[in-house]
């Protein structure tokens, strides 16, 4: 299992993103991207994600789910 972000729902605000701060493997990271509506996006590094699922309930926008 791996965490996946639904970018259509994600606010990409690093100030409020609990999964970004609390991921035990630092798999979630913030990227500046002028093509995104808010100028940034969240990403998950599949090499670092261990599938623990901690991020799912922490996401205030319900933007993260676990997939195979």
Protein backbone atom coordinates (compact mmCIF):
# COMPACT_ATOMS: atom_id res chain seq x y z
CA UNK A 1 0.00 0.00 0.00
CA UNK A 2 1.08 3.54 -0.72
CA UNK A 3 -0.39 6.94 0.11
CA UNK A 4 -1.75 8.95 -2.82
CA UNK A 5 -2.84 12.62 -2.80
CA UNK A 6 -5.91 13.80 -4.70
CA UNK A 7 -4.54 17.16 -5.86
CA UNK A 8 -7.99 18.35 -6.94
CA UNK A 9 -8.96 18.49 -3.26
CA UNK A 10 -5.62 19.41 -1.66
CA UNK A 11 -5.09 23.02 -0.56
CA UNK A 12 -1.30 22.52 -0.71
CA UNK A 13 -0.79 24.80 2.27
CA UNK A 14 2.35 23.74 4.09
CA UNK A 15 1.35 25.86 7.11
CA UNK A 16 -1.68 23.66 7.89
CA UNK A 17 -0.66 20.27 6.46
CA UNK A 18 -0.35 17.87 9.41
CA UNK A 19 0.69 14.91 7.22
CA UNK A 20 3.62 16.96 5.91
CA UNK A 21 4.87 17.55 9.45
CA UNK A 22 4.01 14.18 10.99
CA UNK A 23 4.91 11.61 8.33
CA UNK A 24 7.39 9.31 10.12
CA UNK A 25 9.38 8.69 6.92
CA UNK A 26 9.20 12.28 5.56
CA UNK A 27 7.61 10.91 2.39
CA UNK A 28 5.29 13.92 1.99
CA UNK A 29 6.85 17.10 0.70
CA UNK A 30 5.84 20.51 -0.65
CA UNK A 31 6.76 21.70 -4.15
CA UNK A 32 6.47 25.19 -5.62
CA UNK A 33 4.58 24.96 -8.92
CA UNK A 34 3.32 28.06 -10.71
CA UNK A 35 1.00 25.90 -12.83
CA UNK A 36 -1.03 24.95 -9.73
CA UNK A 37 -3.89 27.27 -8.65
CA UNK A 38 -2.22 28.14 -5.32
CA UNK A 39 1.33 28.08 -6.70
CA UNK A 40 2.33 24.85 -4.99
CA UNK A 41 1.45 21.19 -4.52
CA UNK A 42 2.06 18.34 -2.11
CA UNK A 43 3.78 15.18 -3.31
CA UNK A 44 4.44 11.76 -1.82
CA UNK A 45 7.74 10.04 -2.51
CA UNK A 46 6.79 6.39 -3.21
CA UNK A 47 10.32 5.29 -2.29
CA UNK A 48 9.95 6.75 1.22
CA UNK A 49 6.29 5.90 1.86
CA UNK A 50 6.08 2.72 3.93
CA UNK A 51 2.29 2.49 3.73
CA UNK A 52 1.69 3.13 7.44
CA UNK A 53 -1.43 5.23 6.72
CA UNK A 54 -0.82 7.79 9.48
CA UNK A 55 -1.34 10.58 6.94
CA UNK A 56 -4.88 9.57 5.96
CA UNK A 57 -6.76 10.64 9.13
CA UNK A 58 -4.45 13.64 9.63
CA UNK A 59 -5.37 15.23 6.28
CA UNK A 60 -7.91 18.00 6.97
CA UNK A 61 -9.20 17.89 3.39
CA UNK A 62 -9.55 14.11 3.13
CA UNK A 63 -7.17 14.26 0.17
CA UNK A 64 -5.00 11.25 0.97
CA UNK A 65 -5.93 7.61 0.48
CA UNK A 66 -4.05 4.35 0.49
CA UNK A 67 -3.73 2.40 -2.77
CA UNK A 68 -2.00 -0.77 -3.88
